[in-house]
C-alpha atoms as a PDB file:
ATOM      1  CA  MET A   1      53.841 109.397 183.484  1.00  0.00           C
ATOM      2  CA  ASN A   2      53.612 111.732 180.503  1.00  0.00           C
ATOM      3  CA  PHE A   3      49.919 111.493 179.671  1.00  0.00           C
ATOM      4  CA  GLU A   4      50.195 113.963 176.801  1.00  0.00           C
ATOM      5  CA  LYS A   5      52.751 111.644 175.211  1.00  0.00           C
ATOM      6  CA  TYR A   6      50.304 108.794 175.808  1.00  0.00           C
ATOM      7  CA  PHE A   7      47.662 110.527 173.702  1.00  0.00           C
ATOM      8  CA  CYS A   8      50.132 111.627 171.024  1.00  0.00           C
ATOM      9  CA  ALA A   9      51.285 108.019 170.668  1.00  0.00           C
ATOM     10  CA  GLY A  10      47.929 107.122 169.142  1.00  0.00           C
ATOM     11  CA  ARG A  11      45.361 107.043 171.959  1.00  0.00           C
ATOM     12  CA  ARG A  12      42.652 109.622 171.257  1.00  0.00           C
ATOM     13  CA  GLU A  13      40.624 110.991 174.165  1.00  0.00           C
ATOM     14  CA  SER A  14      37.456 109.658 172.546  1.00  0.00           C
ATOM     15  CA  ASN A  15      38.860 106.140 172.987  1.00  0.00           C
ATOM     16  CA  VAL A  16      39.815 106.539 176.639  1.00  0.00           C
ATOM     17  CA  LYS A  17      37.619 104.272 178.761  1.00  0.00           C
ATOM     18  CA  VAL A  18      36.944 104.944 182.434  1.00  0.00           C
ATOM     19  CA  LEU A  19      35.547 101.990 184.391  1.00  0.00           C
ATOM     20  CA  ILE A  20      33.885 102.763 187.733  1.00  0.00           C
ATOM     21  CA  VAL A  21      33.240  99.864 190.106  1.00  0.00           C
ATOM     22  CA  HIS A  22      32.863 100.786 193.748  1.00  0.00           C
ATOM     23  CA  TYR A  23      30.393  98.335 195.205  1.00  0.00           C
ATOM     24  CA  HIS A  24      29.722  97.863 198.915  1.00  0.00           C
ATOM     25  CA  ARG A  25      26.880  96.337 200.917  1.00  0.00           C
ATOM     26  CA  PHE A  26      26.670  99.606 202.892  1.00  0.00           C
ATOM     27  CA  GLU A  27      24.842 102.135 200.733  1.00  0.00           C
ATOM     28  CA  LEU A  28      27.067 105.105 201.563  1.00  0.00           C
ATOM     29  CA  TRP A  29      30.236 103.283 200.480  1.00  0.00           C
ATOM     30  CA  HIS A  30      28.581 102.293 197.200  1.00  0.00           C
ATOM     31  CA  ALA A  31      29.264 104.759 194.377  1.00  0.00           C
ATOM     32  CA  PRO A  32      25.979 106.471 193.433  1.00  0.00           C
ATOM     33  CA  SER A  33      24.823 106.291 189.806  1.00  0.00           C
ATOM     34  CA  TRP A  34      25.082 110.059 189.369  1.00  0.00           C
ATOM     35  CA  ILE A  35      28.877 109.782 189.418  1.00  0.00           C
ATOM     36  CA  GLN A  36      28.936 108.451 185.851  1.00  0.00           C
ATOM     37  CA  GLU A  37      26.185 110.822 184.716  1.00  0.00           C
ATOM     38  CA  ARG A  38      27.983 113.943 185.908  1.00  0.00           C
ATOM     39  CA  LEU A  39      31.379 112.809 184.663  1.00  0.00           C
ATOM     40  CA  ALA A  40      29.905 112.165 181.215  1.00  0.00           C
ATOM     41  CA  LEU A  41      28.589 115.728 181.142  1.00  0.00           C
ATOM     42  CA  ASP A  42      31.895 117.200 182.316  1.00  0.00           C
ATOM     43  CA  PHE A  43      34.038 115.007 180.027  1.00  0.00           C
ATOM     44  CA  PRO A  44      31.965 114.197 176.909  1.00  0.00           C
ATOM     45  CA  GLN A  45      35.156 113.177 175.073  1.00  0.00           C
ATOM     46  CA  LEU A  46      35.701 110.164 177.374  1.00  0.00           C
ATOM     47  CA  GLN A  47      33.871 106.848 177.646  1.00  0.00           C
ATOM     48  CA  PHE A  48      32.423 106.068 181.084  1.00  0.00           C
ATOM     49  CA  LEU A  49      31.032 102.767 182.324  1.00  0.00           C
ATOM     50  CA  GLN A  50      29.793 102.344 185.895  1.00  0.00           C
ATOM     51  CA  LEU A  51      28.995  98.824 187.085  1.00  0.00           C
ATOM     52  CA  GLN A  52      26.762  98.057 190.060  1.00  0.00           C
ATOM     53  CA  ASN A  53      28.632  94.860 190.964  1.00  0.00           C
ATOM     54  CA  TYR A  54      31.824  92.984 190.069  1.00  0.00           C
ATOM     55  CA  ASP A  55      30.319  90.399 187.716  1.00  0.00           C
ATOM     56  CA  ARG A  56      31.457  92.052 184.465  1.00  0.00           C
ATOM     57  CA  VAL A  57      34.823  93.338 185.667  1.00  0.00           C
ATOM     58  CA  PRO A  58      36.871  90.536 184.027  1.00  0.00           C
ATOM     59  CA  GLU A  59      35.536  91.382 180.559  1.00  0.00           C
ATOM     60  CA  GLU A  60      35.308  95.175 180.933  1.00  0.00           C
ATOM     61  CA  ILE A  61      38.750  95.700 182.479  1.00  0.00           C
ATOM     62  CA  ILE A  62      40.536  94.408 179.375  1.00  0.00           C
ATOM     63  CA  ASP A  63      40.175  97.653 177.385  1.00  0.00           C
ATOM     64  CA  THR A  64      40.011 100.034 180.374  1.00  0.00           C
ATOM     65  CA  ASP A  65      42.432 102.978 180.611  1.00  0.00           C
ATOM     66  CA  ILE A  66      41.331 104.347 184.000  1.00  0.00           C
ATOM     67  CA  PHE A  67      39.834 102.302 186.818  1.00  0.00           C
ATOM     68  CA  VAL A  68      37.938 103.886 189.720  1.00  0.00           C
ATOM     69  CA  GLY A  69      37.438 101.406 192.530  1.00  0.00           C
ATOM     70  CA  TRP A  70      39.014 100.127 195.695  1.00  0.00           C
ATOM     71  CA  SER A  71      39.571  96.502 194.635  1.00  0.00           C
ATOM     72  CA  LEU A  72      41.025  94.810 191.550  1.00  0.00           C
ATOM     73  CA  ARG A  73      42.217  91.210 191.571  1.00  0.00           C
ATOM     74  CA  PRO A  74      45.742  90.381 190.356  1.00  0.00           C
ATOM     75  CA  GLU A  75      44.484  88.300 187.424  1.00  0.00           C
ATOM     76  CA  GLN A  76      42.167  91.146 186.388  1.00  0.00           C
ATOM     77  CA  PHE A  77      45.019  93.621 186.581  1.00  0.00           C
ATOM     78  CA  VAL A  78      47.245  91.421 184.418  1.00  0.00           C
ATOM     79  CA  ALA A  79      44.496  91.305 181.780  1.00  0.00           C
ATOM     80  CA  ALA A  80      44.155  95.111 181.781  1.00  0.00           C
ATOM     81  CA  THR A  81      46.915  95.823 179.277  1.00  0.00           C
ATOM     82  CA  ARG A  82      45.694  99.374 178.550  1.00  0.00           C
ATOM     83  CA  LEU A  83      45.405 100.405 182.198  1.00  0.00           C
ATOM     84  CA  LYS A  84      47.332 103.569 183.113  1.00  0.00           C
ATOM     85  CA  TRP A  85      45.774 104.787 186.353  1.00  0.00           C
ATOM     86  CA  ILE A  86      43.783 103.392 189.280  1.00  0.00           C
ATOM     87  CA  HIS A  87      41.931 105.738 191.605  1.00  0.00           C
ATOM     88  CA  SER A  88      40.758 104.317 194.930  1.00  0.00           C
ATOM     89  CA  PRO A  89      37.908 106.231 196.627  1.00  0.00           C
ATOM     90  CA  ALA A  90      39.260 104.811 199.886  1.00  0.00           C
ATOM     91  CA  ALA A  91      42.311 105.972 201.795  1.00  0.00           C
ATOM     92  CA  ALA A  92      43.616 102.451 202.408  1.00  0.00           C
ATOM     93  CA  VAL A  93      45.081 100.708 199.355  1.00  0.00           C
ATOM     94  CA  HIS A  94      46.742  97.679 200.971  1.00  0.00           C
ATOM     95  CA  GLN A  95      44.366  95.392 199.047  1.00  0.00           C
ATOM     96  CA  LEU A  96      46.017  96.606 195.805  1.00  0.00           C
ATOM     97  CA  MET A  97      49.574  96.066 196.961  1.00  0.00           C
ATOM     98  CA  TYR A  98      50.399  92.885 195.073  1.00  0.00           C
ATOM     99  CA  PRO A  99      53.644  92.454 193.107  1.00  0.00           C
ATOM    100  CA  GLU A 100      52.137  92.734 189.628  1.00  0.00           C
ATOM    101  CA  LEU A 101      50.730  96.185 190.356  1.00  0.00           C
ATOM    102  CA  ILE A 102      53.588  97.437 192.530  1.00  0.00           C
ATOM    103  CA  ASN A 103      56.150  96.633 189.838  1.00  0.00           C
ATOM    104  CA  SER A 104      54.090  98.096 186.994  1.00  0.00           C
ATOM    105  CA  LYS A 105      53.995 101.645 185.619  1.00  0.00           C
ATOM    106  CA  VAL A 106      50.329 102.031 186.553  1.00  0.00           C
ATOM    107  CA  ILE A 107      49.724 104.997 188.852  1.00  0.00           C
ATOM    108  CA  ILE A 108      47.540 104.641 191.949  1.00  0.00           C
ATOM    109  CA  THR A 109      45.846 107.592 193.617  1.00  0.00           C
ATOM    110  CA  ASN A 110      43.685 107.473 196.717  1.00  0.00           C
ATOM    111  CA  ALA A 111      41.238 109.632 198.678  1.00  0.00           C
ATOM    112  CA  ARG A 112      43.383 110.217 201.742  1.00  0.00           C
ATOM    113  CA  GLU A 113      42.434 113.890 202.079  1.00  0.00           C
ATOM    114  CA  ILE A 114      38.697 113.264 201.624  1.00  0.00           C
ATOM    115  CA  HIS A 115      38.056 111.557 204.951  1.00  0.00           C
ATOM    116  CA  GLY A 116      40.409 113.539 207.192  1.00  0.00           C
ATOM    117  CA  PRO A 117      38.144 116.250 208.656  1.00  0.00           C
ATOM    118  CA  VAL A 118      35.123 114.082 209.433  1.00  0.00           C
ATOM    119  CA  VAL A 119      37.181 111.173 210.844  1.00  0.00           C
ATOM    120  CA  ALA A 120      39.109 113.652 213.005  1.00  0.00           C
ATOM    121  CA  GLU A 121      35.804 114.911 214.418  1.00  0.00           C
ATOM    122  CA  HIS A 122      34.830 111.347 215.258  1.00  0.00           C
ATOM    123  CA  ALA A 123      38.185 110.657 216.902  1.00  0.00           C
ATOM    124  CA  LEU A 124      37.818 113.728 219.102  1.00  0.00           C
ATOM    125  CA  ALA A 125      34.291 112.626 220.013  1.00  0.00           C
ATOM    126  CA  LEU A 126      35.696 109.253 221.111  1.00  0.00           C
ATOM    127  CA  VAL A 127      38.296 110.945 223.291  1.00  0.00           C
ATOM    128  CA  LEU A 128      35.605 113.077 224.944  1.00  0.00           C
ATOM    129  CA  ALA A 129      33.273 110.111 225.388  1.00  0.00           C
ATOM    130  CA  LEU A 130      35.965 108.115 227.191  1.00  0.00           C
ATOM    131  CA  ALA A 131      37.121 111.085 229.270  1.00  0.00           C
ATOM    132  CA  LYS A 132      33.591 111.941 230.406  1.00  0.00           C
ATOM    133  CA  ARG A 133      32.606 108.249 230.760  1.00  0.00           C
ATOM    134  CA  LEU A 134      29.608 108.671 228.508  1.00  0.00           C
ATOM    135  CA  PRO A 135      29.219 104.959 227.634  1.00  0.00           C
ATOM    136  CA  GLN A 136      28.919 104.105 231.332  1.00  0.00           C
ATOM    137  CA  SER A 137      26.448 106.957 231.879  1.00  0.00           C
ATOM    138  CA  MET A 138      24.283 105.659 229.037  1.00  0.00           C
ATOM    139  CA  ARG A 139      24.263 102.181 230.565  1.00  0.00           C
ATOM    140  CA  TYR A 140      23.123 103.617 233.888  1.00  0.00           C
ATOM    141  CA  GLN A 141      20.482 105.654 232.069  1.00  0.00           C
ATOM    142  CA  LEU A 142      18.957 102.465 230.667  1.00  0.00           C
ATOM    143  CA  LYS A 143      18.680 101.200 234.247  1.00  0.00           C
ATOM    144  CA  LYS A 144      17.194 104.515 235.489  1.00  0.00           C
ATOM    145  CA  ASP A 145      20.128 104.684 237.883  1.00  0.00           C
ATOM    146  CA  TRP A 146      21.313 108.141 239.090  1.00  0.00           C
ATOM    147  CA  ALA A 147      24.939 106.978 239.212  1.00  0.00           C
ATOM    148  CA  GLN A 148      26.774 110.151 240.167  1.00  0.00           C
ATOM    149  CA  GLU A 149      28.685 108.566 243.035  1.00  0.00           C
ATOM    150  CA  LYS A 150      29.311 105.319 241.156  1.00  0.00           C
ATOM    151  CA  LEU A 151      30.878 107.184 238.244  1.00  0.00           C
ATOM    152  CA  TRP A 152      33.072 109.147 240.614  1.00  0.00           C
ATOM    153  CA  TYR A 153      34.334 106.190 242.604  1.00  0.00           C
ATOM    154  CA  GLN A 154      34.910 103.898 239.620  1.00  0.00           C
ATOM    155  CA  GLN A 155      38.310 104.001 237.955  1.00  0.00           C
ATOM    156  CA  PRO A 156      39.164 105.797 235.811  1.00  0.00           C
ATOM    157  CA  ARG A 157      37.184 108.774 237.036  1.00  0.00           C
ATOM    158  CA  PRO A 158      35.712 111.369 234.667  1.00  0.00           C
ATOM    159  CA  ARG A 159      38.495 113.737 233.677  1.00  0.00           C
ATOM    160  CA  GLU A 160      39.334 116.885 231.789  1.00  0.00           C
ATOM    161  CA  ILE A 161      41.046 116.527 228.430  1.00  0.00           C
ATOM    162  CA  ALA A 162      42.692 119.950 228.648  1.00  0.00           C
ATOM    163  CA  GLY A 163      46.308 119.264 229.553  1.00  0.00           C
ATOM    164  CA  ALA A 164      46.070 115.566 228.707  1.00  0.00           C
ATOM    165  CA  ALA A 165      48.662 114.124 226.320  1.00  0.00           C
ATOM    166  CA  VAL A 166      47.545 112.328 223.162  1.00  0.00           C
ATOM    167  CA  ALA A 167      49.957 110.372 220.990  1.00  0.00           C
ATOM    168  CA  VAL A 168      48.803 110.621 217.370  1.00  0.00           C
ATOM    169  CA  ILE A 169      50.272 107.736 215.376  1.00  0.00           C
ATOM    170  CA  GLY A 170      50.235 108.793 211.727  1.00  0.00           C
ATOM    171  CA  MET A 171      50.197 112.396 210.547  1.00  0.00           C
ATOM    172  CA  GLY A 172      48.284 112.124 207.318  1.00  0.00           C
ATOM    173  CA  SER A 173      45.057 113.995 206.774  1.00  0.00           C
ATOM    174  CA  ILE A 174      43.304 112.462 209.798  1.00  0.00           C
ATOM    175  CA  GLY A 175      46.258 113.018 212.109  1.00  0.00           C
ATOM    176  CA  ARG A 176      46.735 116.632 211.035  1.00  0.00           C
ATOM    177  CA  GLU A 177      43.028 117.457 211.280  1.00  0.00           C
ATOM    178  CA  PHE A 178      42.771 115.794 214.695  1.00  0.00           C
ATOM    179  CA  THR A 179      45.832 117.666 215.935  1.00  0.00           C
ATOM    180  CA  SER A 180      44.326 121.081 215.214  1.00  0.00           C
ATOM    181  CA  ARG A 181      41.102 120.133 216.972  1.00  0.00           C
ATOM    182  CA  ALA A 182      42.839 118.555 219.965  1.00  0.00           C
ATOM    183  CA  LYS A 183      45.067 121.609 220.374  1.00  0.00           C
ATOM    184  CA  ALA A 184      41.981 123.847 220.337  1.00  0.00           C
ATOM    185  CA  MET A 185      40.667 121.779 223.266  1.00  0.00           C
ATOM    186  CA  GLY A 186      43.895 122.295 225.216  1.00  0.00           C
ATOM    187  CA  MET A 187      45.419 118.856 224.690  1.00  0.00           C
ATOM    188  CA  ARG A 188      49.146 118.211 224.318  1.00  0.00           C
ATOM    189  CA  VAL A 189      49.792 116.387 221.055  1.00  0.00           C
ATOM    190  CA  LEU A 190      52.745 114.038 220.551  1.00  0.00           C
ATOM    191  CA  ALA A 191      52.981 113.236 216.835  1.00  0.00           C
ATOM    192  CA  VAL A 192      54.555 109.991 215.632  1.00  0.00           C
ATOM    193  CA  ARG A 193      55.303 109.810 211.911  1.00  0.00           C
ATOM    194  CA  GLU A 194      57.562 107.878 209.586  1.00  0.00           C
ATOM    195  CA  ASN A 195      59.375 111.035 208.472  1.00  0.00           C
ATOM    196  CA  PRO A 196      59.659 113.402 211.456  1.00  0.00           C
ATOM    197  CA  GLU A 197      61.690 115.793 209.292  1.00  0.00           C
ATOM    198  CA  LYS A 198      58.365 116.799 207.718  1.00  0.00           C
ATOM    199  CA  GLY A 199      57.691 118.738 210.912  1.00  0.00           C
ATOM    200  CA  THR A 200      55.186 118.784 213.743  1.00  0.00           C
ATOM    201  CA  SER A 201      52.097 119.677 211.654  1.00  0.00           C
ATOM    202  CA  GLY A 202      50.942 121.698 214.659  1.00  0.00           C
ATOM    203  CA  ALA A 203      51.757 119.113 217.327  1.00  0.00           C
ATOM    204  CA  ASP A 204      53.736 119.956 220.456  1.00  0.00           C
ATOM    205  CA  ALA A 205      56.450 117.450 219.568  1.00  0.00           C
ATOM    206  CA  VAL A 206      57.214 115.044 216.738  1.00  0.00           C
ATOM    207  CA  TYR A 207      58.875 111.624 216.904  1.00  0.00           C
ATOM    208  CA  GLY A 208      59.902 109.015 214.382  1.00  0.00           C
ATOM    209  CA  THR A 209      58.153 105.661 214.313  1.00  0.00           C
ATOM    210  CA  ASN A 210      61.317 104.138 215.762  1.00  0.00           C
ATOM    211  CA  GLN A 211      60.655 106.252 218.883  1.00  0.00           C
ATOM    212  CA  LEU A 212      57.124 104.971 219.460  1.00  0.00           C
ATOM    213  CA  ASP A 213      58.139 102.925 222.492  1.00  0.00           C
ATOM    214  CA  GLN A 214      59.315 106.037 224.340  1.00  0.00           C
ATOM    215  CA  VAL A 215      56.157 107.985 223.437  1.00  0.00           C
ATOM    216  CA  LEU A 216      53.594 105.441 224.624  1.00  0.00           C
ATOM    217  CA  PRO A 217      54.392 105.766 228.380  1.00  0.00           C
ATOM    218  CA  GLN A 218      53.831 109.540 228.120  1.00  0.00           C
ATOM    219  CA  ALA A 219      50.362 109.420 226.583  1.00  0.00           C
ATOM    220  CA  ASP A 220      46.954 109.554 228.242  1.00  0.00           C
ATOM    221  CA  TYR A 221      45.381 108.695 224.896  1.00  0.00           C
ATOM    222  CA  VAL A 222      46.915 106.827 221.952  1.00  0.00           C
ATOM    223  CA  LEU A 223      45.204 107.466 218.607  1.00  0.00           C
ATOM    224  CA  LEU A 224      45.929 105.213 215.617  1.00  0.00           C
ATOM    225  CA  CYS A 225      45.362 106.766 212.190  1.00  0.00           C
ATOM    226  CA  THR A 226      48.270 105.372 210.196  1.00  0.00           C
ATOM    227  CA  PRO A 227      47.997 103.261 207.023  1.00  0.00           C
ATOM    228  CA  VAL A 228      48.225  99.465 207.128  1.00  0.00           C
ATOM    229  CA  THR A 229      51.584  98.202 205.864  1.00  0.00           C
ATOM    230  CA  PRO A 230      53.700  95.192 206.823  1.00  0.00           C
ATOM    231  CA  ALA A 231      55.478  97.469 209.309  1.00  0.00           C
ATOM    232  CA  THR A 232      52.258  98.730 210.967  1.00  0.00           C
ATOM    233  CA  THR A 233      50.296  95.467 211.090  1.00  0.00           C
ATOM    234  CA  HIS A 234      49.815  94.710 214.816  1.00  0.00           C
ATOM    235  CA  LEU A 235      51.696  97.906 215.589  1.00  0.00           C
ATOM    236  CA  MET A 236      49.941  97.829 218.948  1.00  0.00           C
ATOM    237  CA  ASN A 237      50.808  94.357 220.136  1.00  0.00           C
ATOM    238  CA  GLN A 238      50.941  92.933 223.642  1.00  0.00           C
ATOM    239  CA  ALA A 239      54.327  94.466 224.405  1.00  0.00           C
ATOM    240  CA  ARG A 240      53.369  97.958 223.262  1.00  0.00           C
ATOM    241  CA  ILE A 241      49.984  97.937 224.968  1.00  0.00           C
ATOM    242  CA  ALA A 242      51.876  97.053 228.160  1.00  0.00           C
ATOM    243  CA  MET A 243      53.936 100.239 227.726  1.00  0.00           C
ATOM    244  CA  MET A 244      50.836 102.416 228.089  1.00  0.00           C
ATOM    245  CA  LYS A 245      49.829 104.035 231.361  1.00  0.00           C
ATOM    246  CA  PRO A 246      47.314 102.047 233.442  1.00  0.00           C
ATOM    247  CA  ASP A 247      44.840 104.941 233.141  1.00  0.00           C
ATOM    248  CA  ALA A 248      45.463 105.514 229.406  1.00  0.00           C
ATOM    249  CA  SER A 249      43.111 104.722 226.521  1.00  0.00           C
ATOM    250  CA  LEU A 250      43.750 103.314 223.038  1.00  0.00           C
ATOM    251  CA  LEU A 251      41.721 104.538 220.064  1.00  0.00           C
ATOM    252  CA  ASN A 252      41.721 103.245 216.483  1.00  0.00           C
ATOM    253  CA  VAL A 253      40.188 105.085 213.509  1.00  0.00           C
ATOM    254  CA  GLY A 254      42.758 103.748 211.024  1.00  0.00           C
ATOM    255  CA  ARG A 255      42.359 100.081 210.152  1.00  0.00           C
ATOM    256  CA  GLY A 256      41.670  97.006 212.278  1.00  0.00           C
ATOM    257  CA  PRO A 257      44.986  95.195 211.644  1.00  0.00           C
ATOM    258  CA  LEU A 258      46.895  97.989 213.412  1.00  0.00           C
ATOM    259  CA  ILE A 259      45.946  96.322 216.718  1.00  0.00           C
ATOM    260  CA  ASP A 260      46.473  92.781 217.936  1.00  0.00           C
ATOM    261  CA  GLU A 261      42.861  92.300 219.044  1.00  0.00           C
ATOM    262  CA  ALA A 262      43.647  89.335 221.301  1.00  0.00           C
ATOM    263  CA  ALA A 263      46.245  91.394 223.157  1.00  0.00           C
ATOM    264  CA  LEU A 264      43.814  94.309 223.508  1.00  0.00           C
ATOM    265  CA  ILE A 265      41.069  92.045 224.843  1.00  0.00           C
ATOM    266  CA  GLU A 266      43.453  90.687 227.472  1.00  0.00           C
ATOM    267  CA  ALA A 267      44.576  94.185 228.494  1.00  0.00           C
ATOM    268  CA  LEU A 268      41.006  95.481 228.831  1.00  0.00           C
ATOM    269  CA  ARG A 269      39.876  92.447 230.794  1.00  0.00           C
ATOM    270  CA  ASN A 270      42.831  92.770 233.162  1.00  0.00           C
ATOM    271  CA  ARG A 271      42.382  96.570 233.392  1.00  0.00           C
ATOM    272  CA  SER A 272      46.051  97.025 232.515  1.00  0.00           C
ATOM    273  CA  ILE A 273      44.844  99.984 230.453  1.00  0.00           C
ATOM    274  CA  ALA A 274      41.756 102.004 231.292  1.00  0.00           C
ATOM    275  CA  ALA A 275      39.741 101.831 228.110  1.00  0.00           C
ATOM    276  CA  ALA A 276      39.679 101.654 224.329  1.00  0.00           C
ATOM    277  CA  ALA A 277      37.523 102.976 221.496  1.00  0.00           C
ATOM    278  CA  LEU A 278      37.473 101.214 218.130  1.00  0.00           C
ATOM    279  CA  ASP A 279      35.829 102.242 214.871  1.00  0.00           C
ATOM    280  CA  VAL A 280      37.604  99.595 212.776  1.00  0.00           C
ATOM    281  CA  PHE A 281      38.180  95.879 213.238  1.00  0.00           C
ATOM    282  CA  ASN A 282      40.039  92.925 211.768  1.00  0.00           C
ATOM    283  CA  GLU A 283      36.726  91.463 210.616  1.00  0.00           C
ATOM    284  CA  GLU A 284      33.806  93.652 209.612  1.00  0.00           C
ATOM    285  CA  PRO A 285      30.968  93.500 210.409  1.00  0.00           C
ATOM    286  CA  LEU A 286      32.196  92.516 213.855  1.00  0.00           C
ATOM    287  CA  PRO A 287      30.918  88.948 214.481  1.00  0.00           C
ATOM    288  CA  ALA A 288      28.227  88.580 217.120  1.00  0.00           C
ATOM    289  CA  ASP A 289      30.401  86.106 219.021  1.00  0.00           C
ATOM    290  CA  SER A 290      33.391  88.451 219.242  1.00  0.00           C
ATOM    291  CA  PRO A 291      34.507  88.924 222.877  1.00  0.00           C
ATOM    292  CA  LEU A 292      34.966  92.613 222.105  1.00  0.00           C
ATOM    293  CA  TRP A 293      31.210  93.132 222.480  1.00  0.00           C
ATOM    294  CA  GLU A 294      31.317  92.047 226.112  1.00  0.00           C
ATOM    295  CA  LEU A 295      33.979  94.478 227.357  1.00  0.00           C
ATOM    296  CA  ASP A 296      32.505  97.261 229.493  1.00  0.00           C
ATOM    297  CA  ASN A 297      35.587  99.433 229.040  1.00  0.00           C
ATOM    298  CA  LEU A 298      35.470  99.325 225.241  1.00  0.00           C
ATOM    299  CA  LEU A 299      33.518 101.800 223.129  1.00  0.00           C
ATOM    300  CA  ILE A 300      32.559 100.371 219.721  1.00  0.00           C
ATOM    301  CA  THR A 301      31.401 102.399 216.735  1.00  0.00           C
ATOM    302  CA  PRO A 302      30.581 100.403 213.566  1.00  0.00           C
ATOM    303  CA  HIS A 303      33.069 101.975 211.124  1.00  0.00           C
ATOM    304  CA  THR A 304      31.084 105.202 211.062  1.00  0.00           C
ATOM    305  CA  ALA A 305      33.911 107.705 211.525  1.00  0.00           C
ATOM    306  CA  ALA A 306      33.825 108.716 207.847  1.00  0.00           C
ATOM    307  CA  VAL A 307      30.040 108.705 207.498  1.00  0.00           C
ATOM    308  CA  THR A 308      28.730 111.990 206.116  1.00  0.00           C
ATOM    309  CA  GLU A 309      26.184 113.009 203.495  1.00  0.00           C
ATOM    310  CA  LYS A 310      28.902 115.134 201.873  1.00  0.00           C
ATOM    311  CA  LEU A 311      31.148 112.143 201.166  1.00  0.00           C
ATOM    312  CA  TRP A 312      30.475 111.478 197.478  1.00  0.00           C
ATOM    313  CA  GLU A 313      30.372 115.133 196.543  1.00  0.00           C
ATOM    314  CA  ARG A 314      33.930 115.349 197.868  1.00  0.00           C
ATOM    315  CA  HIS A 315      34.888 112.185 196.005  1.00  0.00           C
ATOM    316  CA  TYR A 316      33.416 113.544 192.782  1.00  0.00           C
ATOM    317  CA  GLN A 317      35.372 116.776 192.961  1.00  0.00           C
ATOM    318  CA  LEU A 318      38.646 114.882 193.451  1.00  0.00           C
ATOM    319  CA  ILE A 319      37.926 112.477 190.577  1.00  0.00           C
ATOM    320  CA  LYS A 320      36.987 115.401 188.342  1.00  0.00           C
ATOM    321  CA  ASP A 321      40.127 117.367 189.254  1.00  0.00           C
ATOM    322  CA  ASN A 322      42.381 114.388 188.619  1.00  0.00           C
ATOM    323  CA  LEU A 323      40.716 113.539 185.302  1.00  0.00           C
ATOM    324  CA  GLN A 324      41.409 117.074 184.151  1.00  0.00           C
ATOM    325  CA  ARG A 325      45.006 116.693 185.263  1.00  0.00           C
ATOM    326  CA  PHE A 326      45.266 113.363 183.450  1.00  0.00           C
ATOM    327  CA  LEU A 327      44.020 114.902 180.205  1.00  0.00           C
ATOM    328  CA  THR A 328      46.398 117.856 180.423  1.00  0.00           C
ATOM    329  CA  GLY A 329      49.484 115.886 181.406  1.00  0.00           C
ATOM    330  CA  GLN A 330      49.737 117.207 184.976  1.00  0.00           C
ATOM    331  CA  ALA A 331      50.774 115.289 188.066  1.00  0.00           C
ATOM    332  CA  LEU A 332      47.825 113.618 189.775  1.00  0.00           C
ATOM    333  CA  LEU A 333      46.723 114.542 193.286  1.00  0.00           C
ATOM    334  CA  TYR A 334      47.351 112.079 196.139  1.00  0.00           C
ATOM    335  CA  GLU A 335      49.507 109.616 194.250  1.00  0.00           C
ATOM    336  CA  VAL A 336      50.356 106.498 196.256  1.00  0.00           C
ATOM    337  CA  ASP A 337      53.941 105.403 196.772  1.00  0.00           C
ATOM    338  CA  LYS A 338      53.408 101.785 195.758  1.00  0.00           C
ATOM    339  CA  HIS A 339      56.575 100.553 197.441  1.00  0.00           C
ATOM    340  CA  ARG A 340      55.594 102.125 200.757  1.00  0.00           C
ATOM    341  CA  GLY A 341      51.955 101.142 200.400  1.00  0.00           C
ATOM    342  CA  TYR A 342      50.384 104.564 201.001  1.00  0.00           C
END
């Protein structure tokens, strides 16, 4: 979109309204109030309104030019006749992929590069925890049980990750950042991406998504960090989990719908794969009656992979950079391909 033409056509910067609504029950995911305050200082020519909940969105969205938030209902979008750009402070934007928005001229950007480094650290920590059987050691610690022999004789045994093969499904920011860290630890990385012609991004080999079935039997660890689309929903279903090695582990730091949870539960109960580690789930918070809680070969973290005190400072810098680009008619960073969904 030619934003300079947009202003020349009669919209003055002083009339450009930026609506910020990023509410979440978890404090860290909730946009802090200083976001609006700092933006107003950096861009005094724009109008900023930050809401602490969604109650006033239907009335405020009508004359909004730029919306910062991860969720906007279809009927609210239809009413937003001045809307030109939506920025999601989340990486996943599947909740915005409805026909009215997809087929419009409104640009969507996301924060896909914001979370990559810290989520990659978490993913590597999960690999190490499973390899060194840390969850089991912690359980024995609570029992004051010196379980050296038990840990050795149980399957799978503690193992080295150097030389182990990890299939990284999705080579966005998380996948690329994880690859560099895994390589530094001596792992062999098999990258699976939609467009393998983009290269290995530091992996030992790269495959297309249509080659996933031949990659899974090679991997000691399978890491999911791909976006949720119709094609990736239940990407790891019963058939694909069955393709994994019996001593392999499945890890998910992407989104819950990437895995058929019922199929994973069955595989972990039957020990057809060794273990799994999940940071994301189909339903969050994970219900207390979920059978996932009871699996001794499953490591659960409560969607904390992206948790860091530096999070909103990173978000602010991206929003600021893109606002400057918007005002000067430049292409925006991290624009979403609406037809692909990421």
